[in-house]
Amino acid sequence: MVVPFTLADRDRIIRIETKMDIKFDAVNAKFEADNERFDTIYWLLGVIVALNLFILGYTIWDRRTALRPALDKAIEADAKGTISIRTLRDYSKKHPDLAEILKSHGIL
């Protein structure tokens, strides 16, 4: 009768398991190091995205702040123009030559 499994086979399996455990530990350590690198990359990416959003927000705020005086001046100029046109229309009621000039320019 032939024995299918000998002590030499058993010793060989034990050596293979030992080598496999060593290799598994090395691969596991490599994956952990890669995970730490990915964590660092994710943090850096998050910081870069946050800085870009901050810069975008600051740019929008700065534009609104810088445009406010120009808009105020434009509104003031429009109001003065409206007052000037009303004044000319009222004055043209007494002076027909001014009324003709204003009609030729489309103001009346």
N, C-alpha and C. Protein backbone atom coordinates (compact mmCIF):
# COMPACT_ATOMS: atom_id res chain seq x y z
N MET A 1 0.82 -1.17 0.00
CA MET A 1 0.00 0.00 0.00
C MET A 1 0.88 1.25 0.00
N VAL A 2 0.51 2.21 -0.84
CA VAL A 2 1.29 3.45 -1.01
C VAL A 2 0.67 4.53 -0.13
N VAL A 3 1.55 5.19 0.61
CA VAL A 3 1.08 6.29 1.47
C VAL A 3 1.08 7.56 0.62
N PRO A 4 -0.07 8.20 0.46
CA PRO A 4 -0.12 9.37 -0.41
C PRO A 4 0.49 10.63 0.22
N PHE A 5 0.62 10.68 1.50
CA PHE A 5 1.09 11.89 2.18
C PHE A 5 2.16 11.49 3.17
N THR A 6 3.41 11.94 2.92
CA THR A 6 4.54 11.53 3.77
C THR A 6 4.93 12.69 4.68
N LEU A 7 5.86 12.41 5.57
CA LEU A 7 6.39 13.45 6.46
C LEU A 7 7.15 14.51 5.67
N ALA A 8 7.79 14.11 4.60
CA ALA A 8 8.50 15.08 3.75
C ALA A 8 7.51 16.05 3.12
N ASP A 9 6.35 15.53 2.73
CA ASP A 9 5.31 16.41 2.18
C ASP A 9 4.82 17.40 3.23
N ARG A 10 4.66 16.90 4.44
CA ARG A 10 4.23 17.75 5.54
C ARG A 10 5.25 18.84 5.82
N ASP A 11 6.52 18.49 5.85
CA ASP A 11 7.57 19.49 6.09
C ASP A 11 7.62 20.51 4.95
N ARG A 12 7.43 20.04 3.74
CA ARG A 12 7.43 20.93 2.58
C ARG A 12 6.27 21.93 2.68
N ILE A 13 5.11 21.48 3.08
CA ILE A 13 3.95 22.36 3.24
C ILE A 13 4.21 23.40 4.34
N ILE A 14 4.84 22.99 5.41
CA ILE A 14 5.15 23.92 6.50
C ILE A 14 6.12 25.00 6.00
N ARG A 15 7.14 24.60 5.24
CA ARG A 15 8.08 25.59 4.69
C ARG A 15 7.38 26.55 3.74
N ILE A 16 6.50 26.01 2.91
CA ILE A 16 5.76 26.86 1.97
C ILE A 16 4.87 27.84 2.74
N GLU A 17 4.19 27.38 3.78
CA GLU A 17 3.35 28.27 4.57
C GLU A 17 4.17 29.38 5.23
N THR A 18 5.37 29.03 5.70
CA THR A 18 6.24 30.03 6.32
C THR A 18 6.65 31.08 5.30
N LYS A 19 7.05 30.63 4.11
CA LYS A 19 7.42 31.58 3.05
C LYS A 19 6.23 32.44 2.64
N MET A 20 5.06 31.82 2.56
CA MET A 20 3.86 32.56 2.18
C MET A 20 3.51 33.62 3.23
N ASP A 21 3.68 33.29 4.51
CA ASP A 21 3.41 34.27 5.56
C ASP A 21 4.37 35.47 5.46
N ILE A 22 5.62 35.19 5.16
CA ILE A 22 6.60 36.28 5.02
C ILE A 22 6.24 37.16 3.82
N LYS A 23 5.90 36.52 2.70
CA LYS A 23 5.51 37.28 1.51
C LYS A 23 4.22 38.08 1.77
N PHE A 24 3.26 37.45 2.46
CA PHE A 24 2.01 38.13 2.75
C PHE A 24 2.24 39.36 3.62
N ASP A 25 3.13 39.25 4.60
CA ASP A 25 3.45 40.39 5.45
C ASP A 25 4.10 41.51 4.64
N ALA A 26 4.98 41.15 3.70
CA ALA A 26 5.64 42.16 2.87
C ALA A 26 4.63 42.87 1.96
N VAL A 27 3.73 42.09 1.36
CA VAL A 27 2.71 42.69 0.50
C VAL A 27 1.76 43.56 1.31
N ASN A 28 1.41 43.10 2.50
CA ASN A 28 0.53 43.87 3.37
C ASN A 28 1.19 45.20 3.76
N ALA A 29 2.48 45.17 4.08
CA ALA A 29 3.19 46.40 4.43
C ALA A 29 3.23 47.36 3.24
N LYS A 30 3.41 46.82 2.05
CA LYS A 30 3.43 47.66 0.85
C LYS A 30 2.08 48.34 0.63
N PHE A 31 0.99 47.58 0.80
CA PHE A 31 -0.34 48.16 0.64
C PHE A 31 -0.61 49.25 1.69
N GLU A 32 -0.15 49.02 2.91
CA GLU A 32 -0.32 50.04 3.95
C GLU A 32 0.45 51.31 3.61
N ALA A 33 1.66 51.16 3.07
CA ALA A 33 2.44 52.33 2.66
C ALA A 33 1.74 53.06 1.51
N ASP A 34 1.19 52.31 0.57
CA ASP A 34 0.44 52.94 -0.53
C ASP A 34 -0.79 53.67 -0.01
N ASN A 35 -1.48 53.08 0.96
CA ASN A 35 -2.64 53.75 1.53
C ASN A 35 -2.26 55.06 2.21
N GLU A 36 -1.12 55.06 2.89
CA GLU A 36 -0.66 56.31 3.52
C GLU A 36 -0.35 57.36 2.46
N ARG A 37 0.24 56.95 1.35
CA ARG A 37 0.51 57.90 0.26
C ARG A 37 -0.78 58.45 -0.33
N PHE A 38 -1.77 57.58 -0.52
CA PHE A 38 -3.05 58.03 -1.06
C PHE A 38 -3.74 58.99 -0.09
N ASP A 39 -3.63 58.71 1.21
CA ASP A 39 -4.21 59.64 2.19
C ASP A 39 -3.56 61.01 2.08
N THR A 40 -2.25 61.04 1.91
CA THR A 40 -1.55 62.31 1.76
C THR A 40 -1.99 63.03 0.48
N ILE A 41 -2.13 62.28 -0.59
CA ILE A 41 -2.56 62.87 -1.87
C ILE A 41 -3.97 63.43 -1.73
N TYR A 42 -4.86 62.70 -1.04
CA TYR A 42 -6.22 63.19 -0.85
C TYR A 42 -6.25 64.47 -0.03
N TRP A 43 -5.42 64.53 1.00
CA TRP A 43 -5.34 65.75 1.81
C TRP A 43 -4.83 66.92 0.97
N LEU A 44 -3.78 66.69 0.20
CA LEU A 44 -3.25 67.76 -0.64
C LEU A 44 -4.28 68.22 -1.67
N LEU A 45 -4.98 67.28 -2.26
CA LEU A 45 -6.02 67.62 -3.22
C LEU A 45 -7.14 68.43 -2.56
N GLY A 46 -7.51 68.04 -1.36
CA GLY A 46 -8.53 68.78 -0.62
C GLY A 46 -8.09 70.21 -0.30
N VAL A 47 -6.83 70.36 0.07
CA VAL A 47 -6.30 71.70 0.36
C VAL A 47 -6.30 72.55 -0.90
N ILE A 48 -5.89 71.97 -2.02
CA ILE A 48 -5.85 72.72 -3.28
C ILE A 48 -7.26 73.14 -3.70
N VAL A 49 -8.23 72.24 -3.58
CA VAL A 49 -9.61 72.57 -3.94
C VAL A 49 -10.15 73.67 -3.02
N ALA A 50 -9.85 73.57 -1.72
CA ALA A 50 -10.31 74.59 -0.78
C ALA A 50 -9.69 75.95 -1.11
N LEU A 51 -8.41 75.98 -1.45
CA LEU A 51 -7.77 77.24 -1.81
C LEU A 51 -8.38 77.83 -3.08
N ASN A 52 -8.66 76.98 -4.06
CA ASN A 52 -9.28 77.47 -5.29
C ASN A 52 -10.67 78.05 -5.01
N LEU A 53 -11.45 77.40 -4.17
CA LEU A 53 -12.77 77.92 -3.83
C LEU A 53 -12.66 79.24 -3.07
N PHE A 54 -11.66 79.34 -2.18
CA PHE A 54 -11.45 80.58 -1.46
C PHE A 54 -11.08 81.71 -2.42
N ILE A 55 -10.19 81.43 -3.36
CA ILE A 55 -9.78 82.45 -4.33
C ILE A 55 -10.97 82.87 -5.20
N LEU A 56 -11.78 81.91 -5.61
CA LEU A 56 -12.97 82.24 -6.41
C LEU A 56 -13.93 83.13 -5.61
N GLY A 57 -14.18 82.78 -4.37
CA GLY A 57 -15.05 83.59 -3.52
C GLY A 57 -14.49 84.99 -3.29
N TYR A 58 -13.20 85.07 -3.06
CA TYR A 58 -12.58 86.38 -2.85
C TYR A 58 -12.67 87.23 -4.13
N THR A 59 -12.48 86.61 -5.27
CA THR A 59 -12.55 87.34 -6.54
C THR A 59 -13.95 87.90 -6.76
N ILE A 60 -14.97 87.09 -6.50
CA ILE A 60 -16.34 87.55 -6.67
C ILE A 60 -16.63 88.69 -5.69
N TRP A 61 -16.22 88.53 -4.45
CA TRP A 61 -16.44 89.58 -3.46
C TRP A 61 -15.72 90.87 -3.86
N ASP A 62 -14.49 90.75 -4.33
CA ASP A 62 -13.70 91.92 -4.70
C ASP A 62 -14.33 92.64 -5.89
N ARG A 63 -14.81 91.90 -6.85
CA ARG A 63 -15.45 92.52 -8.02
C ARG A 63 -16.70 93.29 -7.61
N ARG A 64 -17.51 92.69 -6.75
CA ARG A 64 -18.72 93.38 -6.30
C ARG A 64 -18.35 94.65 -5.53
N THR A 65 -17.32 94.56 -4.72
CA THR A 65 -16.90 95.72 -3.93
C THR A 65 -16.34 96.81 -4.83
N ALA A 66 -15.59 96.44 -5.84
CA ALA A 66 -14.98 97.42 -6.74
C ALA A 66 -16.02 98.05 -7.66
N LEU A 67 -17.04 97.30 -8.04
CA LEU A 67 -18.05 97.83 -8.94
C LEU A 67 -19.08 98.71 -8.26
N ARG A 68 -19.21 98.59 -6.95
CA ARG A 68 -20.23 99.36 -6.24
C ARG A 68 -20.09 100.87 -6.46
N PRO A 69 -18.89 101.50 -6.33
CA PRO A 69 -18.79 102.94 -6.58
C PRO A 69 -19.14 103.31 -8.02
N ALA A 70 -18.75 102.49 -8.97
CA ALA A 70 -19.06 102.79 -10.38
C ALA A 70 -20.57 102.72 -10.61
N LEU A 71 -21.23 101.74 -10.03
CA LEU A 71 -22.68 101.64 -10.18
C LEU A 71 -23.37 102.82 -9.51
N ASP A 72 -22.89 103.24 -8.35
CA ASP A 72 -23.48 104.40 -7.68
C ASP A 72 -23.33 105.65 -8.53
N LYS A 73 -22.16 105.84 -9.14
CA LYS A 73 -21.95 107.01 -10.01
C LYS A 73 -22.84 106.94 -11.25
N ALA A 74 -23.02 105.75 -11.80
CA ALA A 74 -23.88 105.60 -12.98
C ALA A 74 -25.33 105.93 -12.63
N ILE A 75 -25.79 105.48 -11.47
CA ILE A 75 -27.16 105.79 -11.04
C ILE A 75 -27.32 107.29 -10.82
N GLU A 76 -26.32 107.91 -10.21
CA GLU A 76 -26.36 109.35 -9.98
C GLU A 76 -26.37 110.11 -11.30
N ALA A 77 -25.55 109.70 -12.27
CA ALA A 77 -25.50 110.36 -13.57
C ALA A 77 -26.84 110.20 -14.30
N ASP A 78 -27.44 109.03 -14.19
CA ASP A 78 -28.75 108.80 -14.82
C ASP A 78 -29.80 109.72 -14.21
N ALA A 79 -29.77 109.86 -12.90
CA ALA A 79 -30.74 110.74 -12.23
C ALA A 79 -30.54 112.19 -12.67
N LYS A 80 -29.27 112.62 -12.75
CA LYS A 80 -28.99 113.99 -13.19
C LYS A 80 -29.43 114.19 -14.63
N GLY A 81 -29.24 113.21 -15.48
CA GLY A 81 -29.65 113.30 -16.87
C GLY A 81 -31.15 113.41 -16.99
N THR A 82 -31.87 112.63 -16.19
CA THR A 82 -33.33 112.69 -16.20
C THR A 82 -33.82 114.07 -15.76
N ILE A 83 -33.20 114.60 -14.73
CA ILE A 83 -33.56 115.94 -14.25
C ILE A 83 -33.28 116.99 -15.32
N SER A 84 -32.13 116.85 -16.00
CA SER A 84 -31.77 117.81 -17.05
C SER A 84 -32.77 117.77 -18.20
N ILE A 85 -33.19 116.58 -18.60
CA ILE A 85 -34.15 116.45 -19.70
C ILE A 85 -35.49 117.07 -19.29
N ARG A 86 -35.95 116.81 -18.06
CA ARG A 86 -37.20 117.40 -17.60
C ARG A 86 -37.12 118.93 -17.58
N THR A 87 -35.98 119.44 -17.15
CA THR A 87 -35.78 120.89 -17.09
C THR A 87 -35.83 121.49 -18.49
N LEU A 88 -35.16 120.85 -19.45
CA LEU A 88 -35.17 121.34 -20.82
C LEU A 88 -36.58 121.28 -21.42
N ARG A 89 -37.32 120.22 -21.14
CA ARG A 89 -38.69 120.11 -21.66
C ARG A 89 -39.57 121.24 -21.10
N ASP A 90 -39.43 121.47 -19.79
CA ASP A 90 -40.23 122.55 -19.19
C ASP A 90 -39.84 123.91 -19.77
N TYR A 91 -38.56 124.11 -19.96
CA TYR A 91 -38.09 125.40 -20.49
C TYR A 91 -38.49 125.58 -21.96
N SER A 92 -38.57 124.45 -22.70
CA SER A 92 -38.93 124.53 -24.12
C SER A 92 -40.40 124.91 -24.33
N LYS A 93 -41.23 124.80 -23.29
CA LYS A 93 -42.63 125.19 -23.41
C LYS A 93 -42.75 126.71 -23.62
N LYS A 94 -41.79 127.48 -23.08
CA LYS A 94 -41.82 128.93 -23.21
C LYS A 94 -40.98 129.42 -24.40
N HIS A 95 -40.09 128.56 -24.90
CA HIS A 95 -39.20 128.95 -25.99
C HIS A 95 -39.34 127.95 -27.14
N PRO A 96 -40.03 128.34 -28.20
CA PRO A 96 -40.28 127.43 -29.32
C PRO A 96 -39.01 127.05 -30.07
N ASP A 97 -37.99 127.91 -30.11
CA ASP A 97 -36.76 127.54 -30.80
C ASP A 97 -36.05 126.38 -30.10
N LEU A 98 -36.06 126.37 -28.79
CA LEU A 98 -35.48 125.25 -28.03
C LEU A 98 -36.31 123.98 -28.25
N ALA A 99 -37.63 124.15 -28.35
CA ALA A 99 -38.49 122.99 -28.61
C ALA A 99 -38.17 122.36 -29.94
N GLU A 100 -37.88 123.16 -30.94
CA GLU A 100 -37.49 122.61 -32.27
C GLU A 100 -36.18 121.86 -32.19
N ILE A 101 -35.24 122.39 -31.48
CA ILE A 101 -33.93 121.71 -31.33
C ILE A 101 -34.13 120.37 -30.61
N LEU A 102 -34.89 120.36 -29.53
CA LEU A 102 -35.11 119.12 -28.80
C LEU A 102 -35.88 118.09 -29.62
N LYS A 103 -36.81 118.55 -30.45
CA LYS A 103 -37.54 117.63 -31.34
C LYS A 103 -36.61 117.03 -32.37
N SER A 104 -35.69 117.83 -32.89
CA SER A 104 -34.76 117.31 -33.90
C SER A 104 -33.83 116.25 -33.33
N HIS A 105 -33.60 116.30 -32.04
CA HIS A 105 -32.73 115.30 -31.40
C HIS A 105 -33.52 114.18 -30.73
N GLY A 106 -34.84 114.22 -30.86
CA GLY A 106 -35.67 113.14 -30.33
C GLY A 106 -35.89 113.20 -28.84
N ILE A 107 -35.67 114.33 -28.22
CA ILE A 107 -35.86 114.43 -26.78
C ILE A 107 -37.31 114.76 -26.45
N LEU A 108 -37.97 115.53 -27.30
CA LEU A 108 -39.40 115.85 -27.06
C LEU A 108 -40.29 114.86 -27.76
